Full PDB file with SEQRES, HELIX, SHEET, SSBOND, CRYST1, ORIGX, SCALE, CONECT and MASTER records, all heavy atoms in Angstrom:
SEQRES   1 A   35  LEU PHE ARG GLY ALA PRO ALA ALA GLU TRP LEU GLY ARG          
SEQRES   2 A   35  MET GLU ALA ALA GLY VAL PRO CYS ALA PRO VAL GLN THR          
SEQRES   3 A   35  VAL GLY GLU ALA LEU ARG ASP PRO VAL                          
HELIX    1 AA1 PHE A    2  GLY A    4  5                                   3    
HELIX    2 AA2 ALA A    7  ALA A   16  1                                  10    
HELIX    3 AA3 VAL A   27  LEU A   31  1                                   5    
CRYST1    1.000    1.000    1.000  90.00  90.00  90.00 P 1           1          
ORIGX1      1.000000  0.000000  0.000000        0.00000                         
ORIGX2      0.000000  1.000000  0.000000        0.00000                         
ORIGX3      0.000000  0.000000  1.000000        0.00000                         
SCALE1      1.000000  0.000000  0.000000        0.00000                         
SCALE2      0.000000  1.000000  0.000000        0.00000                         
SCALE3      0.000000  0.000000  1.000000        0.00000                         
ATOM      1  N   LEU A   1      -9.764  23.496  10.845  1.00  0.00           N  
ATOM      2  CA  LEU A   1      -9.202  23.232  12.147  1.00  0.00           C  
ATOM      3  C   LEU A   1      -7.682  22.999  12.038  1.00  0.00           C  
ATOM      4  O   LEU A   1      -6.942  23.426  12.826  1.00  0.00           O  
ATOM      5  CB  LEU A   1      -9.945  21.923  12.620  1.00  0.00           C  
ATOM      6  CG  LEU A   1      -9.346  21.437  14.007  1.00  0.00           C  
ATOM      7  CD1 LEU A   1      -9.617  22.387  15.138  1.00  0.00           C  
ATOM      8  CD2 LEU A   1     -10.050  20.026  14.320  1.00  0.00           C  
ATOM      9  N   PHE A   2      -7.243  22.235  11.118  1.00  0.00           N  
ATOM     10  CA  PHE A   2      -5.870  21.872  10.952  1.00  0.00           C  
ATOM     11  C   PHE A   2      -4.934  23.045  10.603  1.00  0.00           C  
ATOM     12  O   PHE A   2      -3.749  23.054  10.889  1.00  0.00           O  
ATOM     13  CB  PHE A   2      -5.706  20.693   9.823  1.00  0.00           C  
ATOM     14  CG  PHE A   2      -6.090  19.388  10.358  1.00  0.00           C  
ATOM     15  CD1 PHE A   2      -6.843  18.644   9.427  1.00  0.00           C  
ATOM     16  CD2 PHE A   2      -5.921  18.878  11.563  1.00  0.00           C  
ATOM     17  CE1 PHE A   2      -7.263  17.315   9.790  1.00  0.00           C  
ATOM     18  CE2 PHE A   2      -6.242  17.706  11.978  1.00  0.00           C  
ATOM     19  CZ  PHE A   2      -6.979  16.906  11.131  1.00  0.00           C  
ATOM     20  N   ARG A   3      -5.563  24.074   9.877  1.00  0.00           N  
ATOM     21  CA  ARG A   3      -4.674  25.295   9.640  1.00  0.00           C  
ATOM     22  C   ARG A   3      -4.334  26.013  10.878  1.00  0.00           C  
ATOM     23  O   ARG A   3      -3.557  26.917  10.918  1.00  0.00           O  
ATOM     24  CB  ARG A   3      -5.501  26.093   8.564  1.00  0.00           C  
ATOM     25  CG  ARG A   3      -5.447  25.555   7.164  1.00  0.00           C  
ATOM     26  CD  ARG A   3      -5.868  26.546   6.180  1.00  0.00           C  
ATOM     27  NE  ARG A   3      -7.357  27.046   6.332  1.00  0.00           N  
ATOM     28  CZ  ARG A   3      -8.352  26.405   5.734  1.00  0.00           C  
ATOM     29  NH1 ARG A   3      -8.069  25.419   4.933  1.00  0.00           N  
ATOM     30  NH2 ARG A   3      -9.576  26.869   5.959  1.00  0.00           N  
ATOM     31  N   GLY A   4      -4.988  25.608  12.003  1.00  0.00           N  
ATOM     32  CA  GLY A   4      -4.773  26.506  13.193  1.00  0.00           C  
ATOM     33  C   GLY A   4      -3.601  26.086  13.980  1.00  0.00           C  
ATOM     34  O   GLY A   4      -3.311  26.760  15.088  1.00  0.00           O  
ATOM     35  N   ALA A   5      -2.792  25.117  13.653  1.00  0.00           N  
ATOM     36  CA  ALA A   5      -1.544  24.698  14.414  1.00  0.00           C  
ATOM     37  C   ALA A   5      -0.567  24.051  13.506  1.00  0.00           C  
ATOM     38  O   ALA A   5      -0.937  23.616  12.411  1.00  0.00           O  
ATOM     39  CB  ALA A   5      -2.047  23.725  15.559  1.00  0.00           C  
ATOM     40  N   PRO A   6       0.719  24.066  13.970  1.00  0.00           N  
ATOM     41  CA  PRO A   6       1.783  23.380  13.214  1.00  0.00           C  
ATOM     42  C   PRO A   6       1.439  21.908  13.019  1.00  0.00           C  
ATOM     43  O   PRO A   6       0.833  21.239  13.829  1.00  0.00           O  
ATOM     44  CB  PRO A   6       2.993  23.574  13.972  1.00  0.00           C  
ATOM     45  CG  PRO A   6       2.749  24.802  14.903  1.00  0.00           C  
ATOM     46  CD  PRO A   6       1.279  24.523  15.210  1.00  0.00           C  
ATOM     47  N   ALA A   7       2.091  21.290  12.001  1.00  0.00           N  
ATOM     48  CA  ALA A   7       1.844  19.936  11.683  1.00  0.00           C  
ATOM     49  C   ALA A   7       2.383  19.091  12.764  1.00  0.00           C  
ATOM     50  O   ALA A   7       1.777  18.013  13.029  1.00  0.00           O  
ATOM     51  CB  ALA A   7       2.615  19.589  10.379  1.00  0.00           C  
ATOM     52  N   ALA A   8       3.421  19.385  13.359  1.00  0.00           N  
ATOM     53  CA  ALA A   8       4.040  18.552  14.425  1.00  0.00           C  
ATOM     54  C   ALA A   8       3.092  18.433  15.565  1.00  0.00           C  
ATOM     55  O   ALA A   8       3.132  17.233  16.142  1.00  0.00           O  
ATOM     56  CB  ALA A   8       5.456  19.144  14.924  1.00  0.00           C  
ATOM     57  N   GLU A   9       2.254  19.451  15.910  1.00  0.00           N  
ATOM     58  CA  GLU A   9       1.296  19.256  16.993  1.00  0.00           C  
ATOM     59  C   GLU A   9       0.277  18.223  16.541  1.00  0.00           C  
ATOM     60  O   GLU A   9      -0.014  17.405  17.387  1.00  0.00           O  
ATOM     61  CB  GLU A   9       0.739  20.589  17.317  1.00  0.00           C  
ATOM     62  CG  GLU A   9      -0.293  20.414  18.353  1.00  0.00           C  
ATOM     63  CD  GLU A   9      -0.780  21.934  18.856  1.00  0.00           C  
ATOM     64  OE1 GLU A   9      -0.199  22.802  18.638  1.00  0.00           O  
ATOM     65  OE2 GLU A   9      -2.070  21.844  19.333  1.00  0.00           O  
ATOM     66  N   TRP A  10      -0.305  18.361  15.435  1.00  0.00           N  
ATOM     67  CA  TRP A  10      -1.366  17.435  14.926  1.00  0.00           C  
ATOM     68  C   TRP A  10      -0.824  15.965  14.855  1.00  0.00           C  
ATOM     69  O   TRP A  10      -1.373  15.103  15.262  1.00  0.00           O  
ATOM     70  CB  TRP A  10      -1.931  17.864  13.616  1.00  0.00           C  
ATOM     71  CG  TRP A  10      -2.707  19.238  13.587  1.00  0.00           C  
ATOM     72  CD1 TRP A  10      -2.264  20.284  12.830  1.00  0.00           C  
ATOM     73  CD2 TRP A  10      -3.650  19.626  14.532  1.00  0.00           C  
ATOM     74  NE1 TRP A  10      -3.063  21.353  13.192  1.00  0.00           N  
ATOM     75  CE2 TRP A  10      -3.934  21.015  14.147  1.00  0.00           C  
ATOM     76  CE3 TRP A  10      -4.360  19.030  15.457  1.00  0.00           C  
ATOM     77  CZ2 TRP A  10      -4.922  21.757  14.725  1.00  0.00           C  
ATOM     78  CZ3 TRP A  10      -5.394  19.786  16.168  1.00  0.00           C  
ATOM     79  CH2 TRP A  10      -5.738  21.118  15.767  1.00  0.00           C  
ATOM     80  N   LEU A  11       0.401  15.895  14.252  1.00  0.00           N  
ATOM     81  CA  LEU A  11       1.018  14.571  14.180  1.00  0.00           C  
ATOM     82  C   LEU A  11       1.300  13.799  15.419  1.00  0.00           C  
ATOM     83  O   LEU A  11       0.996  12.689  15.618  1.00  0.00           O  
ATOM     84  CB  LEU A  11       2.271  14.638  13.284  1.00  0.00           C  
ATOM     85  CG  LEU A  11       2.006  15.048  11.812  1.00  0.00           C  
ATOM     86  CD1 LEU A  11       3.432  15.355  11.086  1.00  0.00           C  
ATOM     87  CD2 LEU A  11       1.342  13.950  10.997  1.00  0.00           C  
ATOM     88  N   GLY A  12       1.694  14.664  16.403  1.00  0.00           N  
ATOM     89  CA  GLY A  12       2.015  14.205  17.785  1.00  0.00           C  
ATOM     90  C   GLY A  12       0.720  13.601  18.500  1.00  0.00           C  
ATOM     91  O   GLY A  12       0.727  12.565  19.015  1.00  0.00           O  
ATOM     92  N   ARG A  13      -0.265  14.498  18.332  1.00  0.00           N  
ATOM     93  CA  ARG A  13      -1.632  14.063  18.919  1.00  0.00           C  
ATOM     94  C   ARG A  13      -2.147  12.830  18.330  1.00  0.00           C  
ATOM     95  O   ARG A  13      -2.650  11.779  18.872  1.00  0.00           O  
ATOM     96  CB  ARG A  13      -2.627  15.064  18.735  1.00  0.00           C  
ATOM     97  CG  ARG A  13      -2.395  16.440  19.553  1.00  0.00           C  
ATOM     98  CD  ARG A  13      -3.607  17.251  19.406  1.00  0.00           C  
ATOM     99  NE  ARG A  13      -3.362  18.547  19.847  1.00  0.00           N  
ATOM    100  CZ  ARG A  13      -4.383  19.462  20.083  1.00  0.00           C  
ATOM    101  NH1 ARG A  13      -5.581  19.146  19.651  1.00  0.00           N  
ATOM    102  NH2 ARG A  13      -4.116  20.728  20.473  1.00  0.00           N  
ATOM    103  N   MET A  14      -2.113  12.750  16.891  1.00  0.00           N  
ATOM    104  CA  MET A  14      -2.627  11.545  16.173  1.00  0.00           C  
ATOM    105  C   MET A  14      -1.781  10.319  16.435  1.00  0.00           C  
ATOM    106  O   MET A  14      -2.391   9.272  16.630  1.00  0.00           O  
ATOM    107  CB  MET A  14      -2.778  11.867  14.665  1.00  0.00           C  
ATOM    108  CG  MET A  14      -3.965  12.801  14.413  1.00  0.00           C  
ATOM    109  SD  MET A  14      -4.233  13.108  12.615  1.00  0.00           S  
ATOM    110  CE  MET A  14      -2.821  14.261  12.341  1.00  0.00           C  
ATOM    111  N   GLU A  15      -0.494  10.419  16.442  1.00  0.00           N  
ATOM    112  CA  GLU A  15       0.348   9.273  16.690  1.00  0.00           C  
ATOM    113  C   GLU A  15       0.048   8.730  18.117  1.00  0.00           C  
ATOM    114  O   GLU A  15       0.049   7.466  18.307  1.00  0.00           O  
ATOM    115  CB  GLU A  15       1.761   9.574  16.531  1.00  0.00           C  
ATOM    116  CG  GLU A  15       2.173   9.920  15.090  1.00  0.00           C  
ATOM    117  CD  GLU A  15       3.538  10.429  14.886  1.00  0.00           C  
ATOM    118  OE1 GLU A  15       4.207  10.736  15.891  1.00  0.00           O  
ATOM    119  OE2 GLU A  15       3.974  10.715  13.637  1.00  0.00           O  
ATOM    120  N   ALA A  16      -0.064   9.541  19.017  1.00  0.00           N  
ATOM    121  CA  ALA A  16      -0.399   9.123  20.354  1.00  0.00           C  
ATOM    122  C   ALA A  16      -1.780   8.368  20.492  1.00  0.00           C  
ATOM    123  O   ALA A  16      -1.933   7.520  21.340  1.00  0.00           O  
ATOM    124  CB  ALA A  16      -0.374  10.291  21.354  1.00  0.00           C  
ATOM    125  N   ALA A  17      -2.692   8.804  19.631  1.00  0.00           N  
ATOM    126  CA  ALA A  17      -3.991   8.095  19.590  1.00  0.00           C  
ATOM    127  C   ALA A  17      -4.089   6.947  18.677  1.00  0.00           C  
ATOM    128  O   ALA A  17      -5.242   6.296  18.544  1.00  0.00           O  
ATOM    129  CB  ALA A  17      -5.026   9.151  19.289  1.00  0.00           C  
ATOM    130  N   GLY A  18      -3.024   6.593  18.034  1.00  0.00           N  
ATOM    131  CA  GLY A  18      -2.949   5.459  17.089  1.00  0.00           C  
ATOM    132  C   GLY A  18      -3.680   5.758  15.780  1.00  0.00           C  
ATOM    133  O   GLY A  18      -4.340   4.799  15.268  1.00  0.00           O  
ATOM    134  N   VAL A  19      -3.714   6.975  15.305  1.00  0.00           N  
ATOM    135  CA  VAL A  19      -4.347   7.287  13.992  1.00  0.00           C  
ATOM    136  C   VAL A  19      -3.311   7.457  12.976  1.00  0.00           C  
ATOM    137  O   VAL A  19      -2.330   8.116  13.106  1.00  0.00           O  
ATOM    138  CB  VAL A  19      -5.044   8.707  14.224  1.00  0.00           C  
ATOM    139  CG1 VAL A  19      -5.674   9.097  12.801  1.00  0.00           C  
ATOM    140  CG2 VAL A  19      -6.166   8.603  15.298  1.00  0.00           C  
ATOM    141  N   PRO A  20      -3.392   6.706  11.875  1.00  0.00           N  
ATOM    142  CA  PRO A  20      -2.337   6.682  10.857  1.00  0.00           C  
ATOM    143  C   PRO A  20      -2.251   8.128  10.209  1.00  0.00           C  
ATOM    144  O   PRO A  20      -3.238   8.752   9.817  1.00  0.00           O  
ATOM    145  CB  PRO A  20      -2.891   5.803   9.768  1.00  0.00           C  
ATOM    146  CG  PRO A  20      -3.817   4.871  10.533  1.00  0.00           C  
ATOM    147  CD  PRO A  20      -4.389   5.678  11.574  1.00  0.00           C  
ATOM    148  N   CYS A  21      -1.054   8.608  10.190  1.00  0.00           N  
ATOM    149  CA  CYS A  21      -0.686  10.033   9.675  1.00  0.00           C  
ATOM    150  C   CYS A  21       0.712  10.075   9.271  1.00  0.00           C  
ATOM    151  O   CYS A  21       1.513   9.211   9.700  1.00  0.00           O  
ATOM    152  CB  CYS A  21      -1.111  10.994  10.783  1.00  0.00           C  
ATOM    153  SG  CYS A  21      -0.215  10.752  12.248  1.00  0.00           S  
ATOM    154  N   ALA A  22       1.115  11.115   8.601  1.00  0.00           N  
ATOM    155  CA  ALA A  22       2.517  11.298   8.252  1.00  0.00           C  
ATOM    156  C   ALA A  22       2.706  12.739   7.706  1.00  0.00           C  
ATOM    157  O   ALA A  22       1.750  13.217   7.049  1.00  0.00           O  
ATOM    158  CB  ALA A  22       2.975  10.326   7.157  1.00  0.00           C  
ATOM    159  N   PRO A  23       3.847  13.259   7.825  1.00  0.00           N  
ATOM    160  CA  PRO A  23       4.249  14.587   7.225  1.00  0.00           C  
ATOM    161  C   PRO A  23       4.406  14.232   5.696  1.00  0.00           C  
ATOM    162  O   PRO A  23       4.794  13.211   5.345  1.00  0.00           O  
ATOM    163  CB  PRO A  23       5.491  14.941   7.898  1.00  0.00           C  
ATOM    164  CG  PRO A  23       6.189  13.705   8.264  1.00  0.00           C  
ATOM    165  CD  PRO A  23       5.018  12.735   8.663  1.00  0.00           C  
ATOM    166  N   VAL A  24       4.148  15.240   4.860  1.00  0.00           N  
ATOM    167  CA  VAL A  24       4.519  15.274   3.536  1.00  0.00           C  
ATOM    168  C   VAL A  24       5.888  15.631   3.314  1.00  0.00           C  
ATOM    169  O   VAL A  24       6.208  16.771   3.344  1.00  0.00           O  
ATOM    170  CB  VAL A  24       3.546  16.005   2.584  1.00  0.00           C  
ATOM    171  CG1 VAL A  24       4.003  15.954   1.060  1.00  0.00           C  
ATOM    172  CG2 VAL A  24       2.033  15.554   2.688  1.00  0.00           C  
ATOM    173  N   GLN A  25       6.858  14.579   3.238  1.00  0.00           N  
ATOM    174  CA  GLN A  25       8.252  14.966   3.164  1.00  0.00           C  
ATOM    175  C   GLN A  25       8.746  15.027   1.669  1.00  0.00           C  
ATOM    176  O   GLN A  25       8.201  14.549   0.782  1.00  0.00           O  
ATOM    177  CB  GLN A  25       9.026  13.815   3.797  1.00  0.00           C  
ATOM    178  CG  GLN A  25       8.706  13.604   5.329  1.00  0.00           C  
ATOM    179  CD  GLN A  25       9.755  12.771   6.085  1.00  0.00           C  
ATOM    180  OE1 GLN A  25      10.020  12.978   7.149  1.00  0.00           O  
ATOM    181  NE2 GLN A  25      10.145  11.622   5.419  1.00  0.00           N  
ATOM    182  N   THR A  26       9.780  15.854   1.583  1.00  0.00           N  
ATOM    183  CA  THR A  26      10.594  15.913   0.324  1.00  0.00           C  
ATOM    184  C   THR A  26      11.314  14.572   0.205  1.00  0.00           C  
ATOM    185  O   THR A  26      11.572  13.839   1.122  1.00  0.00           O  
ATOM    186  CB  THR A  26      11.570  16.995   0.159  1.00  0.00           C  
ATOM    187  OG1 THR A  26      12.592  16.842   1.236  1.00  0.00           O  
ATOM    188  CG2 THR A  26      10.785  18.341   0.522  1.00  0.00           C  
ATOM    189  N   VAL A  27      11.904  14.311  -1.030  1.00  0.00           N  
ATOM    190  CA  VAL A  27      12.719  13.130  -1.197  1.00  0.00           C  
ATOM    191  C   VAL A  27      13.917  13.197  -0.405  1.00  0.00           C  
ATOM    192  O   VAL A  27      14.340  12.192   0.202  1.00  0.00           O  
ATOM    193  CB  VAL A  27      13.129  13.071  -2.720  1.00  0.00           C  
ATOM    194  CG1 VAL A  27      14.124  11.906  -2.890  1.00  0.00           C  
ATOM    195  CG2 VAL A  27      11.806  12.744  -3.625  1.00  0.00           C  
ATOM    196  N   GLY A  28      14.496  14.549  -0.225  1.00  0.00           N  
ATOM    197  CA  GLY A  28      15.684  14.547   0.644  1.00  0.00           C  
ATOM    198  C   GLY A  28      15.349  14.237   2.010  1.00  0.00           C  
ATOM    199  O   GLY A  28      16.198  13.621   2.774  1.00  0.00           O  
ATOM    200  N   GLU A  29      14.203  14.680   2.572  1.00  0.00           N  
ATOM    201  CA  GLU A  29      13.801  14.385   3.909  1.00  0.00           C  
ATOM    202  C   GLU A  29      13.595  12.938   4.096  1.00  0.00           C  
ATOM    203  O   GLU A  29      13.895  12.275   5.209  1.00  0.00           O  
ATOM    204  CB  GLU A  29      12.590  15.144   4.272  1.00  0.00           C  
ATOM    205  CG  GLU A  29      12.748  16.629   4.461  1.00  0.00           C  
ATOM    206  CD  GLU A  29      11.470  17.352   4.685  1.00  0.00           C  
ATOM    207  OE1 GLU A  29      10.518  17.066   4.012  1.00  0.00           O  
ATOM    208  OE2 GLU A  29      11.457  18.275   5.506  1.00  0.00           O  
ATOM    209  N   ALA A  30      13.015  12.204   3.085  1.00  0.00           N  
ATOM    210  CA  ALA A  30      12.770  10.836   3.165  1.00  0.00           C  
ATOM    211  C   ALA A  30      14.070  10.000   3.214  1.00  0.00           C  
ATOM    212  O   ALA A  30      14.262   9.084   3.882  1.00  0.00           O  
ATOM    213  CB  ALA A  30      11.973  10.302   2.012  1.00  0.00           C  
ATOM    214  N   LEU A  31      15.093  10.572   2.468  1.00  0.00           N  
ATOM    215  CA  LEU A  31      16.425   9.923   2.486  1.00  0.00           C  
ATOM    216  C   LEU A  31      17.141  10.128   3.818  1.00  0.00           C  
ATOM    217  O   LEU A  31      18.217   9.461   4.071  1.00  0.00           O  
ATOM    218  CB  LEU A  31      17.267  10.471   1.295  1.00  0.00           C  
ATOM    219  CG  LEU A  31      16.841   9.969   0.035  1.00  0.00           C  
ATOM    220  CD1 LEU A  31      17.636  10.691  -1.096  1.00  0.00           C  
ATOM    221  CD2 LEU A  31      16.929   8.425  -0.158  1.00  0.00           C  
ATOM    222  N   ARG A  32      16.658  11.063   4.643  1.00  0.00           N  
ATOM    223  CA  ARG A  32      17.243  11.245   6.038  1.00  0.00           C  
ATOM    224  C   ARG A  32      16.326  10.626   7.096  1.00  0.00           C  
ATOM    225  O   ARG A  32      16.597  10.859   8.233  1.00  0.00           O  
ATOM    226  CB  ARG A  32      17.420  12.697   6.220  1.00  0.00           C  
ATOM    227  CG  ARG A  32      18.509  13.380   5.312  1.00  0.00           C  
ATOM    228  CD  ARG A  32      18.849  14.836   5.633  1.00  0.00           C  
ATOM    229  NE  ARG A  32      17.658  15.681   5.506  1.00  0.00           N  
ATOM    230  CZ  ARG A  32      17.437  16.310   4.501  1.00  0.00           C  
ATOM    231  NH1 ARG A  32      18.013  16.162   3.330  1.00  0.00           N  
ATOM    232  NH2 ARG A  32      16.312  17.189   4.451  1.00  0.00           N  
ATOM    233  N   ASP A  33      15.305   9.934   6.736  1.00  0.00           N  
ATOM    234  CA  ASP A  33      14.338   9.445   7.698  1.00  0.00           C  
ATOM    235  C   ASP A  33      14.986   8.328   8.579  1.00  0.00           C  
ATOM    236  O   ASP A  33      15.634   7.496   7.953  1.00  0.00           O  
ATOM    237  CB  ASP A  33      13.144   8.850   6.941  1.00  0.00           C  
ATOM    238  CG  ASP A  33      11.991   8.674   7.836  1.00  0.00           C  
ATOM    239  OD1 ASP A  33      12.161   7.879   8.756  1.00  0.00           O  
ATOM    240  OD2 ASP A  33      10.956   9.236   7.561  1.00  0.00           O  
ATOM    241  N   PRO A  34      14.806   8.512   9.875  1.00  0.00           N  
ATOM    242  CA  PRO A  34      15.411   7.482  10.670  1.00  0.00           C  
ATOM    243  C   PRO A  34      15.046   6.067  10.342  1.00  0.00           C  
ATOM    244  O   PRO A  34      15.894   5.167  10.577  1.00  0.00           O  
ATOM    245  CB  PRO A  34      14.891   7.793  12.089  1.00  0.00           C  
ATOM    246  CG  PRO A  34      14.535   9.271  11.946  1.00  0.00           C  
ATOM    247  CD  PRO A  34      14.162   9.552  10.641  1.00  0.00           C  
ATOM    248  N   VAL A  35      13.872   5.862   9.816  1.00  0.00           N  
ATOM    249  CA  VAL A  35      13.473   4.387   9.530  1.00  0.00           C  
ATOM    250  C   VAL A  35      14.422   3.869   8.337  1.00  0.00           C  
ATOM    251  O   VAL A  35      14.845   2.690   8.442  1.00  0.00           O  
ATOM    252  CB  VAL A  35      11.922   4.463   9.013  1.00  0.00           C  
ATOM    253  CG1 VAL A  35      11.643   3.066   8.389  1.00  0.00           C  
ATOM    254  CG2 VAL A  35      11.088   4.840  10.087  1.00  0.00           C  
TER     255      VAL A  35                                                      
MASTER        0    0    0    3    0    0    0    6  254    1    0    3          
END                                                                             
């Protein structure tokens, strides 16, 4: 099921539903994370 759409779509749906989730980021992406 998850292979059928981009990660942003799944993450958006799950975050809206209060389901813990996250993208698998590189170290560089983590160092640019807004948090």
